[in-house]
Amino acid sequence: MKTIAFIAGVLATTAAAIPALVQGNTGPIPYTSTYSVVARPKQVVNGTEPTGGLPGAIGYYDFGLNVDYNLICYHIRLNGFKGEYESPAASATHLHEAARGQSGPPRIAFPNPKKTDGRHGRVSVGCLQGPFVTGLEDPETGEDYGADFQVSQIEENPEGFFSDVHSSLALAGAVRGQLA
């Protein structure tokens, strides 16, 4: 129950940082959907081959979406993460488009979680609004993989998206978790 209250408080506080989106709204951001994901090393693949990820690591990803604003709010927690963040993208913490057991392009790059007092491992909290930037270009179009992405695509097919984080000790991914 404390975790739910903490997440609700963090996300409500984040709303104050986005006044243009919540003008006239007296409560938390009105999400059109929410997702809670547990990301584990055993779910990491390279192409379709399991890699085992980073043993001992685990990730908790909580998302709140608002399709009207093309907005995603996040509360990401990592425990047992080792090595340095490493990815050719703008960050090493992503939302990718791909079904379970497959690799796919990042659609959203989140700020990498920062070390905390140790009790909470590493944490990243905030909101992002499209257009999204991943730092990686689609070789066919030359556009950033996040450029035309809409969070409504997640709501339409949550099974087709996963969250992950990449480490210098597990380049294909330390942990991975499918949204549904």
N, C-alpha and C. Protein backbone atom coordinates (compact mmCIF):
# COMPACT_ATOMS: atom_id res chain seq x y z
N MET A 1 0.81 -1.18 0.00
CA MET A 1 0.00 0.00 0.00
C MET A 1 0.86 1.25 0.00
N LYS A 2 2.01 1.21 0.71
CA LYS A 2 2.91 2.36 0.73
C LYS A 2 3.46 2.63 -0.66
N THR A 3 3.74 1.57 -1.43
CA THR A 3 4.27 1.74 -2.78
C THR A 3 3.25 2.46 -3.66
N ILE A 4 1.99 2.06 -3.57
CA ILE A 4 0.94 2.70 -4.37
C ILE A 4 0.82 4.17 -3.99
N ALA A 5 0.83 4.46 -2.71
CA ALA A 5 0.74 5.85 -2.26
C ALA A 5 1.95 6.64 -2.73
N PHE A 6 3.13 6.04 -2.66
CA PHE A 6 4.34 6.72 -3.11
C PHE A 6 4.26 7.03 -4.59
N ILE A 7 3.87 6.03 -5.41
CA ILE A 7 3.77 6.23 -6.86
C ILE A 7 2.73 7.31 -7.17
N ALA A 8 1.58 7.24 -6.53
CA ALA A 8 0.55 8.24 -6.76
C ALA A 8 1.05 9.63 -6.40
N GLY A 9 1.79 9.74 -5.29
CA GLY A 9 2.33 11.03 -4.89
C GLY A 9 3.36 11.55 -5.86
N VAL A 10 4.23 10.66 -6.34
CA VAL A 10 5.26 11.07 -7.30
C VAL A 10 4.61 11.54 -8.59
N LEU A 11 3.65 10.77 -9.10
CA LEU A 11 3.01 11.14 -10.35
C LEU A 11 2.17 12.40 -10.20
N ALA A 12 1.53 12.58 -9.05
CA ALA A 12 0.77 13.82 -8.82
C ALA A 12 1.71 15.01 -8.76
N THR A 13 2.87 14.84 -8.13
CA THR A 13 3.86 15.91 -8.06
C THR A 13 4.39 16.23 -9.44
N THR A 14 4.58 15.21 -10.27
CA THR A 14 5.07 15.41 -11.62
C THR A 14 4.09 16.28 -12.40
N ALA A 15 2.80 16.17 -12.11
CA ALA A 15 1.81 16.97 -12.81
C ALA A 15 2.08 18.46 -12.66
N ALA A 16 2.62 18.87 -11.52
CA ALA A 16 2.93 20.28 -11.31
C ALA A 16 4.04 20.75 -12.24
N ALA A 17 4.85 19.83 -12.73
CA ALA A 17 5.94 20.18 -13.63
C ALA A 17 5.46 20.33 -15.07
N ILE A 18 4.20 20.01 -15.33
CA ILE A 18 3.66 20.10 -16.67
C ILE A 18 2.39 20.94 -16.64
N PRO A 19 2.48 22.22 -16.26
CA PRO A 19 1.28 23.03 -16.07
C PRO A 19 0.43 23.18 -17.33
N ALA A 20 1.03 23.21 -18.50
CA ALA A 20 0.25 23.38 -19.72
C ALA A 20 -0.68 22.19 -19.94
N LEU A 21 -0.30 21.04 -19.44
CA LEU A 21 -1.12 19.85 -19.65
C LEU A 21 -2.20 19.68 -18.61
N VAL A 22 -2.02 20.24 -17.44
CA VAL A 22 -2.97 20.00 -16.37
C VAL A 22 -3.72 21.26 -15.95
N GLN A 23 -3.64 22.31 -16.78
CA GLN A 23 -4.35 23.54 -16.45
C GLN A 23 -5.83 23.25 -16.19
N GLY A 24 -6.32 23.71 -15.08
CA GLY A 24 -7.71 23.50 -14.74
C GLY A 24 -7.99 22.15 -14.11
N ASN A 25 -6.99 21.29 -14.05
CA ASN A 25 -7.16 19.97 -13.46
C ASN A 25 -6.71 20.05 -12.00
N THR A 26 -7.59 19.71 -11.08
CA THR A 26 -7.25 19.83 -9.66
C THR A 26 -6.68 18.56 -9.07
N GLY A 27 -6.63 17.48 -9.85
CA GLY A 27 -6.12 16.21 -9.35
C GLY A 27 -4.94 15.74 -10.17
N PRO A 28 -4.56 14.49 -9.98
CA PRO A 28 -3.46 13.93 -10.76
C PRO A 28 -3.78 13.95 -12.26
N ILE A 29 -2.77 13.76 -13.05
CA ILE A 29 -2.96 13.71 -14.50
C ILE A 29 -3.99 12.63 -14.82
N PRO A 30 -4.96 12.91 -15.68
CA PRO A 30 -5.97 11.89 -16.02
C PRO A 30 -5.40 10.88 -17.02
N TYR A 31 -4.96 9.74 -16.51
CA TYR A 31 -4.40 8.72 -17.39
C TYR A 31 -5.50 7.97 -18.12
N THR A 32 -5.24 7.64 -19.37
CA THR A 32 -6.16 6.82 -20.13
C THR A 32 -5.84 5.34 -19.94
N SER A 33 -4.61 5.04 -19.47
CA SER A 33 -4.24 3.67 -19.12
C SER A 33 -3.00 3.69 -18.24
N THR A 34 -2.80 2.61 -17.51
CA THR A 34 -1.60 2.46 -16.68
C THR A 34 -1.07 1.04 -16.85
N TYR A 35 0.24 0.90 -16.66
CA TYR A 35 0.91 -0.39 -16.79
C TYR A 35 1.94 -0.53 -15.69
N SER A 36 2.03 -1.70 -15.10
CA SER A 36 3.07 -2.03 -14.13
C SER A 36 3.79 -3.26 -14.64
N VAL A 37 5.10 -3.13 -14.81
CA VAL A 37 5.90 -4.18 -15.44
C VAL A 37 7.02 -4.59 -14.51
N VAL A 38 7.23 -5.90 -14.37
CA VAL A 38 8.40 -6.41 -13.67
C VAL A 38 9.33 -6.95 -14.76
N ALA A 39 10.52 -6.38 -14.83
CA ALA A 39 11.49 -6.75 -15.86
C ALA A 39 12.57 -7.64 -15.24
N ARG A 40 12.85 -8.75 -15.91
CA ARG A 40 13.79 -9.75 -15.39
C ARG A 40 14.84 -10.10 -16.45
N PRO A 41 16.01 -10.56 -16.00
CA PRO A 41 17.07 -10.94 -16.93
C PRO A 41 16.66 -12.05 -17.90
N LYS A 42 15.87 -13.01 -17.43
CA LYS A 42 15.54 -14.17 -18.26
C LYS A 42 14.68 -13.81 -19.47
N GLN A 43 14.11 -12.60 -19.51
CA GLN A 43 13.28 -12.18 -20.63
C GLN A 43 14.08 -11.49 -21.74
N VAL A 44 15.36 -11.22 -21.50
CA VAL A 44 16.19 -10.50 -22.48
C VAL A 44 16.55 -11.41 -23.64
N VAL A 45 16.40 -10.87 -24.86
CA VAL A 45 16.79 -11.60 -26.07
C VAL A 45 17.65 -10.69 -26.95
N ASN A 46 18.43 -11.32 -27.81
CA ASN A 46 19.17 -10.62 -28.85
C ASN A 46 18.67 -11.23 -30.15
N GLY A 47 17.85 -10.47 -30.88
CA GLY A 47 17.10 -11.05 -32.00
C GLY A 47 15.98 -11.88 -31.42
N THR A 48 16.14 -13.19 -31.44
CA THR A 48 15.18 -14.08 -30.77
C THR A 48 15.88 -15.04 -29.83
N GLU A 49 17.20 -14.88 -29.68
CA GLU A 49 17.99 -15.75 -28.81
C GLU A 49 18.04 -15.22 -27.38
N PRO A 50 17.62 -16.01 -26.40
CA PRO A 50 17.74 -15.56 -24.99
C PRO A 50 19.21 -15.33 -24.62
N THR A 51 19.46 -14.26 -23.86
CA THR A 51 20.83 -13.94 -23.44
C THR A 51 21.07 -14.16 -21.96
N GLY A 52 20.00 -14.19 -21.18
CA GLY A 52 20.15 -14.32 -19.73
C GLY A 52 20.28 -12.99 -19.02
N GLY A 53 20.44 -11.90 -19.80
CA GLY A 53 20.49 -10.58 -19.19
C GLY A 53 21.59 -10.44 -18.16
N LEU A 54 21.31 -9.66 -17.13
CA LEU A 54 22.27 -9.41 -16.05
C LEU A 54 21.77 -10.13 -14.80
N PRO A 55 22.35 -11.28 -14.47
CA PRO A 55 21.89 -12.04 -13.30
C PRO A 55 21.86 -11.19 -12.03
N GLY A 56 20.79 -11.34 -11.27
CA GLY A 56 20.64 -10.62 -10.01
C GLY A 56 19.96 -9.26 -10.15
N ALA A 57 19.76 -8.80 -11.38
CA ALA A 57 19.10 -7.51 -11.59
C ALA A 57 17.59 -7.70 -11.72
N ILE A 58 16.83 -6.67 -11.36
CA ILE A 58 15.38 -6.67 -11.55
C ILE A 58 14.95 -5.22 -11.75
N GLY A 59 13.94 -5.02 -12.58
CA GLY A 59 13.43 -3.68 -12.83
C GLY A 59 11.93 -3.62 -12.62
N TYR A 60 11.47 -2.49 -12.10
CA TYR A 60 10.04 -2.23 -11.91
C TYR A 60 9.71 -0.97 -12.69
N TYR A 61 8.82 -1.08 -13.65
CA TYR A 61 8.45 0.03 -14.52
C TYR A 61 6.96 0.29 -14.34
N ASP A 62 6.61 1.48 -13.88
CA ASP A 62 5.21 1.88 -13.77
C ASP A 62 4.98 3.04 -14.74
N PHE A 63 3.96 2.88 -15.59
CA PHE A 63 3.66 3.89 -16.60
C PHE A 63 2.23 4.37 -16.48
N GLY A 64 2.02 5.66 -16.70
CA GLY A 64 0.70 6.26 -16.83
C GLY A 64 0.66 6.96 -18.18
N LEU A 65 -0.32 6.63 -19.02
CA LEU A 65 -0.43 7.22 -20.36
C LEU A 65 -1.63 8.12 -20.46
N ASN A 66 -1.50 9.17 -21.24
CA ASN A 66 -2.64 9.99 -21.63
C ASN A 66 -2.53 10.18 -23.14
N VAL A 67 -3.40 9.49 -23.89
CA VAL A 67 -3.32 9.53 -25.35
C VAL A 67 -3.71 10.90 -25.90
N ASP A 68 -4.56 11.64 -25.20
CA ASP A 68 -4.97 12.96 -25.68
C ASP A 68 -3.79 13.93 -25.76
N TYR A 69 -2.82 13.75 -24.86
CA TYR A 69 -1.64 14.62 -24.83
C TYR A 69 -0.39 13.93 -25.38
N ASN A 70 -0.51 12.69 -25.83
CA ASN A 70 0.64 11.88 -26.26
C ASN A 70 1.71 11.93 -25.17
N LEU A 71 1.28 11.60 -23.95
CA LEU A 71 2.08 11.75 -22.74
C LEU A 71 2.28 10.40 -22.06
N ILE A 72 3.50 10.17 -21.59
CA ILE A 72 3.79 8.99 -20.77
C ILE A 72 4.52 9.45 -19.52
N CYS A 73 3.99 9.09 -18.37
CA CYS A 73 4.66 9.35 -17.09
C CYS A 73 5.22 8.01 -16.61
N TYR A 74 6.36 8.08 -15.93
CA TYR A 74 7.06 6.86 -15.58
C TYR A 74 7.65 6.94 -14.18
N HIS A 75 7.74 5.79 -13.55
CA HIS A 75 8.44 5.60 -12.28
C HIS A 75 9.19 4.29 -12.46
N ILE A 76 10.50 4.38 -12.67
CA ILE A 76 11.33 3.23 -12.97
C ILE A 76 12.28 2.98 -11.81
N ARG A 77 12.34 1.72 -11.34
CA ARG A 77 13.24 1.35 -10.26
C ARG A 77 14.05 0.14 -10.67
N LEU A 78 15.35 0.21 -10.46
CA LEU A 78 16.25 -0.91 -10.76
C LEU A 78 16.96 -1.34 -9.49
N ASN A 79 17.02 -2.63 -9.27
CA ASN A 79 17.79 -3.20 -8.18
C ASN A 79 18.75 -4.22 -8.75
N GLY A 80 19.95 -4.29 -8.19
CA GLY A 80 20.94 -5.26 -8.64
C GLY A 80 21.59 -4.90 -9.95
N PHE A 81 21.42 -3.67 -10.42
CA PHE A 81 22.04 -3.25 -11.69
C PHE A 81 23.54 -3.08 -11.46
N LYS A 82 24.33 -3.65 -12.38
CA LYS A 82 25.79 -3.54 -12.29
C LYS A 82 26.34 -3.05 -13.62
N GLY A 83 27.57 -2.53 -13.59
CA GLY A 83 28.19 -2.00 -14.79
C GLY A 83 27.75 -0.57 -15.01
N GLU A 84 28.01 -0.08 -16.21
CA GLU A 84 27.62 1.27 -16.60
C GLU A 84 26.47 1.18 -17.59
N TYR A 85 25.66 2.23 -17.65
CA TYR A 85 24.63 2.27 -18.69
C TYR A 85 25.34 2.34 -20.03
N GLU A 86 24.87 1.52 -20.99
CA GLU A 86 25.50 1.55 -22.31
C GLU A 86 24.48 1.23 -23.39
N SER A 87 24.38 2.14 -24.36
CA SER A 87 23.47 1.97 -25.49
C SER A 87 23.83 3.01 -26.53
N PRO A 88 23.65 2.71 -27.81
CA PRO A 88 23.88 3.73 -28.84
C PRO A 88 22.75 4.77 -28.87
N ALA A 89 21.66 4.52 -28.17
CA ALA A 89 20.53 5.45 -28.12
C ALA A 89 20.85 6.61 -27.16
N ALA A 90 19.92 7.54 -27.05
CA ALA A 90 20.10 8.72 -26.20
C ALA A 90 20.25 8.37 -24.73
N SER A 91 19.72 7.23 -24.31
CA SER A 91 19.88 6.71 -22.95
C SER A 91 19.92 5.19 -23.07
N ALA A 92 20.05 4.51 -21.96
CA ALA A 92 20.08 3.05 -21.98
C ALA A 92 18.79 2.44 -21.43
N THR A 93 17.79 3.29 -21.17
CA THR A 93 16.52 2.85 -20.59
C THR A 93 15.42 3.18 -21.59
N HIS A 94 14.71 2.13 -22.06
CA HIS A 94 13.81 2.32 -23.20
C HIS A 94 12.47 1.61 -23.06
N LEU A 95 11.57 2.06 -23.94
CA LEU A 95 10.36 1.33 -24.28
C LEU A 95 10.55 0.93 -25.75
N HIS A 96 10.53 -0.38 -26.02
CA HIS A 96 10.73 -0.90 -27.38
C HIS A 96 9.41 -1.43 -27.93
N GLU A 97 9.34 -1.48 -29.25
CA GLU A 97 8.20 -2.11 -29.90
C GLU A 97 8.62 -3.48 -30.41
N ALA A 98 8.11 -4.53 -29.80
CA ALA A 98 8.35 -5.91 -30.23
C ALA A 98 7.55 -6.85 -29.33
N ALA A 99 7.15 -7.95 -29.92
CA ALA A 99 6.43 -8.98 -29.17
C ALA A 99 7.39 -9.73 -28.24
N ARG A 100 6.84 -10.45 -27.30
CA ARG A 100 7.63 -11.27 -26.37
C ARG A 100 8.57 -12.18 -27.17
N GLY A 101 9.83 -12.23 -26.74
CA GLY A 101 10.80 -13.11 -27.38
C GLY A 101 11.43 -12.55 -28.64
N GLN A 102 11.16 -11.30 -28.97
CA GLN A 102 11.72 -10.67 -30.16
C GLN A 102 12.36 -9.34 -29.81
N SER A 103 13.30 -8.92 -30.62
CA SER A 103 13.91 -7.59 -30.47
C SER A 103 13.16 -6.61 -31.37
N GLY A 104 13.23 -5.35 -31.01
CA GLY A 104 12.58 -4.32 -31.83
C GLY A 104 13.15 -2.96 -31.50
N PRO A 105 12.80 -1.95 -32.28
CA PRO A 105 13.37 -0.62 -32.11
C PRO A 105 12.85 0.09 -30.86
N PRO A 106 13.69 0.94 -30.27
CA PRO A 106 13.18 1.75 -29.16
C PRO A 106 12.22 2.81 -29.71
N ARG A 107 11.16 3.07 -28.98
CA ARG A 107 10.20 4.12 -29.36
C ARG A 107 10.29 5.31 -28.41
N ILE A 108 10.72 5.03 -27.16
CA ILE A 108 10.89 6.10 -26.17
C ILE A 108 12.16 5.81 -25.39
N ALA A 109 12.98 6.84 -25.20
CA ALA A 109 14.18 6.73 -24.36
C ALA A 109 13.91 7.52 -23.08
N PHE A 110 14.02 6.85 -21.94
CA PHE A 110 13.80 7.48 -20.64
C PHE A 110 15.14 7.87 -20.03
N PRO A 111 15.16 8.87 -19.16
CA PRO A 111 16.40 9.16 -18.43
C PRO A 111 16.82 7.93 -17.62
N ASN A 112 18.10 7.61 -17.64
CA ASN A 112 18.58 6.46 -16.89
C ASN A 112 18.35 6.66 -15.39
N PRO A 113 17.90 5.62 -14.69
CA PRO A 113 17.71 5.72 -13.25
C PRO A 113 19.02 6.07 -12.53
N LYS A 114 18.90 6.92 -11.52
CA LYS A 114 20.05 7.38 -10.72
C LYS A 114 20.11 6.60 -9.41
N LYS A 115 21.34 6.45 -8.91
CA LYS A 115 21.51 5.78 -7.62
C LYS A 115 20.82 6.57 -6.52
N THR A 116 20.23 5.84 -5.57
CA THR A 116 19.57 6.47 -4.43
C THR A 116 20.32 6.09 -3.17
N ASP A 117 19.66 6.20 -2.04
CA ASP A 117 20.27 5.89 -0.75
C ASP A 117 20.57 4.40 -0.57
N GLY A 118 20.28 3.61 -1.57
CA GLY A 118 20.53 2.18 -1.48
C GLY A 118 19.29 1.37 -1.21
N ARG A 119 18.34 1.96 -0.52
CA ARG A 119 17.10 1.26 -0.19
C ARG A 119 16.23 1.06 -1.43
N HIS A 120 16.32 2.01 -2.36
CA HIS A 120 15.50 1.96 -3.56
C HIS A 120 16.32 1.68 -4.81
N GLY A 121 17.58 1.31 -4.68
CA GLY A 121 18.40 1.01 -5.86
C GLY A 121 18.61 2.25 -6.71
N ARG A 122 18.19 2.18 -7.96
CA ARG A 122 18.27 3.31 -8.88
C ARG A 122 16.85 3.67 -9.30
N VAL A 123 16.59 4.99 -9.45
CA VAL A 123 15.23 5.46 -9.71
C VAL A 123 15.23 6.55 -10.78
N SER A 124 14.20 6.53 -11.63
CA SER A 124 13.95 7.59 -12.60
C SER A 124 12.45 7.86 -12.59
N VAL A 125 12.06 9.13 -12.43
CA VAL A 125 10.65 9.51 -12.35
C VAL A 125 10.43 10.76 -13.20
N GLY A 126 9.33 10.79 -13.93
CA GLY A 126 9.01 11.98 -14.71
C GLY A 126 7.93 11.71 -15.73
N CYS A 127 7.79 12.64 -16.67
CA CYS A 127 6.85 12.50 -17.77
C CYS A 127 7.52 12.97 -19.05
N LEU A 128 7.17 12.36 -20.16
CA LEU A 128 7.64 12.77 -21.48
C LEU A 128 6.44 12.93 -22.39
N GLN A 129 6.52 13.93 -23.25
CA GLN A 129 5.45 14.17 -24.20
C GLN A 129 6.02 14.16 -25.61
N GLY A 130 5.31 13.48 -26.54
CA GLY A 130 5.77 13.42 -27.92
C GLY A 130 5.78 14.78 -28.57
N PRO A 131 6.60 14.96 -29.61
CA PRO A 131 7.34 13.91 -30.29
C PRO A 131 8.51 13.40 -29.46
N PHE A 132 8.73 12.09 -29.54
CA PHE A 132 9.76 11.43 -28.75
C PHE A 132 11.07 11.34 -29.54
N VAL A 133 12.18 11.34 -28.82
CA VAL A 133 13.50 11.23 -29.44
C VAL A 133 14.25 10.09 -28.77
N THR A 134 14.68 9.12 -29.57
CA THR A 134 15.44 7.98 -29.04
C THR A 134 16.94 8.14 -29.28
N GLY A 135 17.30 8.95 -30.28
CA GLY A 135 18.70 9.09 -30.65
C GLY A 135 19.14 8.07 -31.68
N LEU A 136 18.22 7.23 -32.14
CA LEU A 136 18.53 6.23 -33.16
C LEU A 136 17.61 6.44 -34.36
N GLU A 137 18.18 6.37 -35.56
CA GLU A 137 17.40 6.57 -36.77
C GLU A 137 17.01 5.26 -37.43
N ASP A 138 15.82 5.24 -37.98
CA ASP A 138 15.35 4.13 -38.80
C ASP A 138 16.12 4.22 -40.12
N PRO A 139 16.88 3.18 -40.48
CA PRO A 139 17.68 3.26 -41.71
C PRO A 139 16.84 3.39 -42.98
N GLU A 140 15.58 2.96 -42.94
CA GLU A 140 14.71 3.05 -44.12
C GLU A 140 14.18 4.46 -44.33
N THR A 141 13.88 5.17 -43.24
CA THR A 141 13.26 6.50 -43.37
C THR A 141 14.21 7.64 -43.02
N GLY A 142 15.27 7.34 -42.26
CA GLY A 142 16.17 8.39 -41.80
C GLY A 142 15.60 9.18 -40.63
N GLU A 143 14.42 8.81 -40.16
CA GLU A 143 13.76 9.48 -39.03
C GLU A 143 14.12 8.79 -37.73
N ASP A 144 14.11 9.54 -36.65
CA ASP A 144 14.29 8.96 -35.32
C ASP A 144 13.17 7.95 -35.07
N TYR A 145 13.50 6.83 -34.44
CA TYR A 145 12.50 5.79 -34.16
C TYR A 145 11.33 6.30 -33.31
N GLY A 146 11.53 7.38 -32.59
CA GLY A 146 10.45 7.90 -31.76
C GLY A 146 9.66 9.02 -32.41
N ALA A 147 10.11 9.54 -33.54
CA ALA A 147 9.54 10.76 -34.14
C ALA A 147 8.04 10.72 -34.35
N ASP A 148 7.52 9.67 -34.94
CA ASP A 148 6.09 9.60 -35.23
C ASP A 148 5.33 8.71 -34.25
N PHE A 149 6.01 8.29 -33.19
CA PHE A 149 5.39 7.37 -32.24
C PHE A 149 4.33 8.08 -31.41
N GLN A 150 3.20 7.41 -31.22
CA GLN A 150 2.10 7.90 -30.39
C GLN A 150 1.86 6.90 -29.27
N VAL A 151 1.65 7.39 -28.04
CA VAL A 151 1.41 6.44 -26.93
C VAL A 151 0.12 5.65 -27.13
N SER A 152 -0.77 6.13 -27.99
CA SER A 152 -1.98 5.37 -28.29
C SER A 152 -1.64 4.00 -28.87
N GLN A 153 -0.47 3.88 -29.54
CA GLN A 153 -0.05 2.60 -30.09
C GLN A 153 0.15 1.57 -28.97
N ILE A 154 0.59 2.03 -27.81
CA ILE A 154 0.75 1.13 -26.66
C ILE A 154 -0.61 0.62 -26.22
N GLU A 155 -1.57 1.53 -26.08
CA GLU A 155 -2.91 1.12 -25.64
C GLU A 155 -3.56 0.16 -26.64
N GLU A 156 -3.29 0.36 -27.93
CA GLU A 156 -3.89 -0.49 -28.96
C GLU A 156 -3.29 -1.90 -28.96
N ASN A 157 -2.03 -2.05 -28.51
CA ASN A 157 -1.37 -3.34 -28.56
C ASN A 157 -0.29 -3.44 -27.47
N PRO A 158 -0.67 -3.47 -26.19
CA PRO A 158 0.36 -3.50 -25.14
C PRO A 158 1.25 -4.75 -25.21
N GLU A 159 0.76 -5.83 -25.80
CA GLU A 159 1.56 -7.05 -25.94
C GLU A 159 2.75 -6.83 -26.87
N GLY A 160 2.68 -5.79 -27.68
CA GLY A 160 3.72 -5.52 -28.67
C GLY A 160 4.79 -4.55 -28.18
N PHE A 161 4.88 -4.33 -26.85
CA PHE A 161 5.86 -3.39 -26.31
C PHE A 161 6.52 -3.96 -25.06
N PHE A 162 7.79 -3.59 -24.87
CA PHE A 162 8.50 -4.00 -23.66
C PHE A 162 9.41 -2.87 -23.20
N SER A 163 9.77 -2.93 -21.92
CA SER A 163 10.71 -1.98 -21.32
C SER A 163 11.98 -2.73 -20.99
N ASP A 164 13.11 -2.02 -21.09
CA ASP A 164 14.37 -2.63 -20.74
C ASP A 164 15.40 -1.59 -20.35
N VAL A 165 16.55 -2.07 -19.91
CA VAL A 165 17.70 -1.21 -19.62
C VAL A 165 18.94 -2.00 -20.04
N HIS A 166 19.92 -1.28 -20.56
CA HIS A 166 21.14 -1.90 -21.07
C HIS A 166 22.33 -1.55 -20.19
N SER A 167 23.20 -2.53 -19.97
CA SER A 167 24.39 -2.38 -19.14
C SER A 167 25.63 -2.73 -19.96
N SER A 168 26.76 -2.15 -19.57
CA SER A 168 28.03 -2.51 -20.20
C SER A 168 28.35 -3.99 -19.97
N LEU A 169 27.72 -4.60 -18.98
CA LEU A 169 27.92 -6.02 -18.70
C LEU A 169 26.87 -6.91 -19.37
N ALA A 170 25.86 -6.30 -19.98
CA ALA A 170 24.79 -7.03 -20.68
C ALA A 170 24.27 -6.10 -21.77
N LEU A 171 25.00 -6.04 -22.89
CA LEU A 171 24.69 -5.07 -23.93
C LEU A 171 23.31 -5.25 -24.56
N ALA A 172 22.86 -6.49 -24.70
CA ALA A 172 21.54 -6.73 -25.28
C ALA A 172 20.42 -6.34 -24.31
N GLY A 173 20.77 -6.21 -23.05
CA GLY A 173 19.80 -5.81 -22.03
C GLY A 173 20.10 -6.48 -20.70
N ALA A 174 19.95 -5.71 -19.64
CA ALA A 174 20.12 -6.25 -18.29
C ALA A 174 18.85 -6.93 -17.82
N VAL A 175 17.71 -6.24 -18.05
CA VAL A 175 16.39 -6.77 -17.72
C VAL A 175 15.42 -6.35 -18.81
N ARG A 176 14.33 -7.10 -18.90
CA ARG A 176 13.30 -6.80 -19.89
C ARG A 176 11.97 -7.24 -19.32
N GLY A 177 10.92 -6.47 -19.62
CA GLY A 177 9.58 -6.84 -19.21
C GLY A 177 8.55 -6.39 -20.23
N GLN A 178 7.70 -7.33 -20.65
CA GLN A 178 6.64 -7.04 -21.61
C GLN A 178 5.52 -6.29 -20.90
N LEU A 179 4.88 -5.33 -21.58
CA LEU A 179 3.81 -4.57 -20.95
C LEU A 179 2.58 -5.42 -20.68
N ALA A 180 2.35 -6.39 -21.51
CA ALA A 180 1.20 -7.30 -21.29
C ALA A 180 1.53 -8.68 -21.83
